[in-house]
Amino acid sequence: KLFGGEDEERIHKIELRHRLEIIEIEKAQLMQQKEEADKKKQEYEILLGQKRKKELEIHEIELAMKAIEEAASQVQKTFGQELNEKISEIFCDMTNGKYTQAVMDENLSMMVYDGFDHVDMKYLSNATVEQLYFALRLASADLLYENDAFLDDVFGNYDDERLAQTMQYLSHHTDRQIFLFTGRKEILRLLDEKEILYHLISL
């Protein structure tokens, strides 16, 4: 024999230590891979939650738009030109004269006039489209109802400028009592900055 019993045992222990070191390295690598996989899974779940939230928002917007369109269809059949004139008046004021006219046809397709061209609403920004629908909503309320107007928070895509324009319009151009339900604190800040009177009920 080239090696004695003690030498063989020492070599065997060295081999075991090397295997143990390799196992520890592999274990650390697996733990790192698991942490990375857990992190990616968490990121995926966050993105999935955001996607579901956006889908719910889109669904709610679609339902609101459908309800508005159905109501507008009834108003269009009854009032026609008077409705378009009212929408134009409100939309012009809310956009500080950027758009001077808004027209809705029998199919409820809407376009606006900017002083140079008629622009289909599909080419407008989301916030401008929301303003246009808001003008339609107010015009319909003016023509259909004589009492209070109830408005849920339709300012989701409004920037500060559009929000200020709309709130100032509501403050200066309507005698109605307005109930605004919102969770956006910046609206309260804006009301204070513009010195618009309001009564706050916090739930």
Protein backbone atom coordinates (compact mmCIF):
# COMPACT_ATOMS: atom_id res chain seq x y z
CA LYS A 1 0.00 0.00 0.00
CA LEU A 2 1.21 3.50 -0.84
CA PHE A 3 -0.67 5.04 2.07
CA GLY A 4 -1.30 3.80 5.51
CA GLY A 5 -4.65 3.70 7.23
CA GLU A 6 -4.15 7.07 8.87
CA ASP A 7 -3.24 8.70 5.54
CA GLU A 8 -6.32 7.29 3.87
CA GLU A 9 -8.50 8.58 6.69
CA ARG A 10 -6.89 12.05 6.46
CA ILE A 11 -7.42 12.15 2.69
CA HIS A 12 -11.00 11.02 3.16
CA LYS A 13 -11.59 13.84 5.67
CA ILE A 14 -10.08 16.38 3.24
CA GLU A 15 -12.37 15.13 0.49
CA LEU A 16 -15.36 15.40 2.81
CA ARG A 17 -14.39 18.97 3.74
CA HIS A 18 -14.07 19.90 0.05
CA ARG A 19 -17.46 18.38 -0.69
CA LEU A 20 -18.95 20.24 2.28
CA GLU A 21 -17.43 23.51 1.03
CA ILE A 22 -18.88 22.88 -2.44
CA ILE A 23 -22.26 22.09 -0.92
CA GLU A 24 -22.14 25.33 1.13
CA ILE A 25 -21.26 27.33 -2.01
CA GLU A 26 -24.07 25.68 -3.97
CA LYS A 27 -26.44 26.30 -1.05
CA ALA A 28 -25.49 30.00 -0.97
CA GLN A 29 -26.03 30.23 -4.72
CA LEU A 30 -29.42 28.57 -4.42
CA MET A 31 -30.39 30.92 -1.58
CA GLN A 32 -29.38 33.91 -3.72
CA GLN A 33 -31.37 32.55 -6.68
CA LYS A 34 -34.35 31.99 -4.36
CA GLU A 35 -34.13 35.58 -3.06
CA GLU A 36 -33.99 36.88 -6.63
CA ALA A 37 -36.93 34.69 -7.61
CA ASP A 38 -38.91 35.87 -4.56
CA LYS A 39 -38.11 39.49 -5.45
CA LYS A 40 -39.25 38.99 -9.05
CA LYS A 41 -42.38 37.23 -7.82
CA GLN A 42 -43.13 40.16 -5.51
CA GLU A 43 -42.56 42.64 -8.36
CA TYR A 44 -44.82 40.56 -10.59
CA GLU A 45 -47.57 40.52 -7.96
CA ILE A 46 -47.29 44.31 -7.57
CA LEU A 47 -47.50 44.80 -11.35
CA LEU A 48 -50.41 42.36 -11.52
CA GLY A 49 -52.20 44.30 -8.79
CA GLN A 50 -51.57 47.56 -10.64
CA LYS A 51 -52.87 45.99 -13.85
CA ARG A 52 -56.05 44.81 -12.12
CA LYS A 53 -56.52 48.25 -10.57
CA LYS A 54 -56.13 49.93 -13.97
CA GLU A 55 -58.53 47.45 -15.55
CA LEU A 56 -61.07 48.24 -12.82
CA GLU A 57 -60.58 51.98 -13.38
CA ILE A 58 -61.04 51.52 -17.13
CA HIS A 59 -64.18 49.46 -16.52
CA GLU A 60 -65.60 52.14 -14.21
CA ILE A 61 -64.78 54.86 -16.75
CA GLU A 62 -66.43 52.84 -19.51
CA LEU A 63 -69.56 52.38 -17.39
CA ALA A 64 -69.63 56.10 -16.56
CA MET A 65 -69.15 57.03 -20.22
CA LYS A 66 -71.90 54.62 -21.24
CA ALA A 67 -74.28 56.15 -18.70
CA ILE A 68 -73.36 59.65 -19.88
CA GLU A 69 -73.83 58.69 -23.51
CA GLU A 70 -77.24 57.13 -22.82
CA ALA A 71 -78.35 60.24 -20.95
CA ALA A 72 -76.92 62.48 -23.63
CA SER A 73 -78.73 60.51 -26.31
CA GLN A 74 -82.04 61.27 -24.65
CA VAL A 75 -81.12 64.93 -24.27
CA GLN A 76 -79.89 65.10 -27.87
CA LYS A 77 -83.21 63.80 -29.16
CA THR A 78 -85.08 66.39 -27.10
CA PHE A 79 -82.89 69.48 -27.23
CA GLY A 80 -80.44 69.03 -30.15
CA GLN A 81 -78.96 72.41 -31.06
CA GLU A 82 -79.61 73.89 -27.62
CA LEU A 83 -77.49 71.13 -26.08
CA ASN A 84 -74.58 71.79 -28.46
CA GLU A 85 -74.70 75.50 -27.72
CA LYS A 86 -74.67 74.82 -23.98
CA ILE A 87 -71.79 72.34 -24.25
CA SER A 88 -69.82 74.84 -26.36
CA GLU A 89 -70.41 77.63 -23.85
CA ILE A 90 -69.27 75.52 -20.88
CA PHE A 91 -66.32 73.89 -22.68
CA CYS A 92 -65.08 77.24 -24.00
CA ASP A 93 -65.13 78.73 -20.49
CA MET A 94 -63.46 75.68 -18.92
CA THR A 95 -60.61 75.75 -21.48
CA ASN A 96 -60.16 79.54 -21.28
CA GLY A 97 -61.26 79.94 -24.88
CA LYS A 98 -58.84 77.40 -26.37
CA TYR A 99 -61.83 75.62 -27.91
CA THR A 100 -64.69 77.83 -29.05
CA GLN A 101 -67.18 75.17 -30.06
CA ALA A 102 -68.13 71.60 -29.22
CA VAL A 103 -70.55 69.61 -31.34
CA MET A 104 -72.24 66.26 -30.72
CA ASP A 105 -73.98 64.55 -33.61
CA GLU A 106 -76.90 62.11 -33.57
CA ASN A 107 -74.49 59.19 -33.05
CA LEU A 108 -73.05 60.92 -29.95
CA SER A 109 -69.71 61.47 -31.69
CA MET A 110 -68.16 64.71 -30.51
CA MET A 111 -65.69 67.14 -32.01
CA VAL A 112 -64.36 70.53 -30.98
CA TYR A 113 -63.30 73.65 -32.86
CA ASP A 114 -60.04 75.36 -31.87
CA GLY A 115 -60.41 78.42 -34.10
CA PHE A 116 -58.71 76.76 -37.06
CA ASP A 117 -59.92 73.19 -37.42
CA HIS A 118 -62.60 70.82 -36.15
CA VAL A 119 -60.86 68.15 -34.07
CA ASP A 120 -62.40 64.74 -33.39
CA MET A 121 -62.40 63.90 -29.69
CA LYS A 122 -60.30 60.77 -30.32
CA TYR A 123 -57.35 63.06 -31.03
CA LEU A 124 -57.69 64.93 -27.74
CA SER A 125 -55.81 64.12 -24.54
CA ASN A 126 -57.55 62.04 -21.88
CA ALA A 127 -57.86 65.07 -19.61
CA THR A 128 -59.41 67.19 -22.38
CA VAL A 129 -61.86 64.40 -23.20
CA GLU A 130 -62.84 64.27 -19.52
CA GLN A 131 -63.41 68.02 -19.62
CA LEU A 132 -65.55 67.59 -22.71
CA TYR A 133 -67.67 64.88 -21.07
CA PHE A 134 -67.90 67.03 -17.97
CA ALA A 135 -69.20 69.92 -20.08
CA LEU A 136 -71.72 67.52 -21.63
CA ARG A 137 -72.79 66.40 -18.18
CA LEU A 138 -73.24 69.95 -16.92
CA ALA A 139 -75.09 70.98 -20.07
CA SER A 140 -77.44 68.02 -19.74
CA ALA A 141 -78.05 68.85 -16.06
CA ASP A 142 -78.83 72.47 -16.93
CA LEU A 143 -81.35 71.40 -19.53
CA LEU A 144 -82.94 68.56 -17.59
CA TYR A 145 -82.85 69.52 -13.92
CA GLU A 146 -83.64 72.63 -11.95
CA ASN A 147 -82.35 71.63 -8.54
CA ASP A 148 -79.03 70.39 -7.17
CA ALA A 149 -76.30 68.69 -9.19
CA PHE A 150 -74.49 65.69 -7.75
CA LEU A 151 -70.96 65.19 -9.12
CA ASP A 152 -68.68 62.33 -8.24
CA ASP A 153 -64.93 62.88 -8.69
CA VAL A 154 -64.42 63.02 -12.46
CA PHE A 155 -61.09 64.83 -12.32
CA GLY A 156 -58.83 61.76 -12.28
CA ASN A 157 -56.71 62.75 -15.28
CA TYR A 158 -56.81 66.51 -14.73
CA ASP A 159 -53.56 68.39 -14.24
CA ASP A 160 -53.50 71.38 -11.87
CA GLU A 161 -54.34 73.87 -14.63
CA ARG A 162 -57.39 71.95 -15.89
CA LEU A 163 -58.54 71.30 -12.35
CA ALA A 164 -58.31 75.00 -11.51
CA GLN A 165 -60.18 75.97 -14.70
CA THR A 166 -62.99 73.55 -13.95
CA MET A 167 -63.36 74.46 -10.29
CA GLN A 168 -63.38 78.18 -11.13
CA TYR A 169 -66.02 77.57 -13.79
CA LEU A 170 -68.21 75.74 -11.29
CA SER A 171 -67.71 78.53 -8.77
CA HIS A 172 -68.47 81.42 -11.13
CA HIS A 173 -70.95 80.02 -13.66
CA THR A 174 -73.48 77.99 -11.76
CA ASP A 175 -76.07 78.84 -9.13
CA ARG A 176 -76.53 75.19 -8.23
CA GLN A 177 -75.50 73.58 -5.00
CA ILE A 178 -72.74 71.12 -5.88
CA PHE A 179 -71.83 68.00 -3.93
CA LEU A 180 -68.31 66.87 -4.80
CA PHE A 181 -67.15 63.49 -3.46
CA THR A 182 -63.37 63.11 -3.62
CA GLY A 183 -60.36 61.70 -1.84
CA ARG A 184 -57.92 64.17 -3.44
CA LYS A 185 -56.49 66.66 -0.94
CA GLU A 186 -55.15 68.87 -3.73
CA ILE A 187 -58.73 69.85 -4.58
CA LEU A 188 -59.15 71.31 -1.09
CA ARG A 189 -55.82 73.12 -1.47
CA LEU A 190 -56.94 74.53 -4.80
CA LEU A 191 -60.28 75.68 -3.40
CA ASP A 192 -58.44 77.50 -0.63
CA GLU A 193 -55.94 79.09 -3.04
CA LYS A 194 -58.72 80.32 -5.35
CA GLU A 195 -60.79 81.47 -2.33
CA ILE A 196 -63.73 79.35 -3.44
CA LEU A 197 -66.22 78.89 -0.63
CA TYR A 198 -67.07 75.34 0.36
CA HIS A 199 -68.30 73.28 3.28
CA LEU A 200 -66.17 70.22 4.08
CA ILE A 201 -67.62 66.99 5.43
CA SER A 202 -64.86 64.49 6.19
CA LEU A 203 -65.77 60.80 6.42
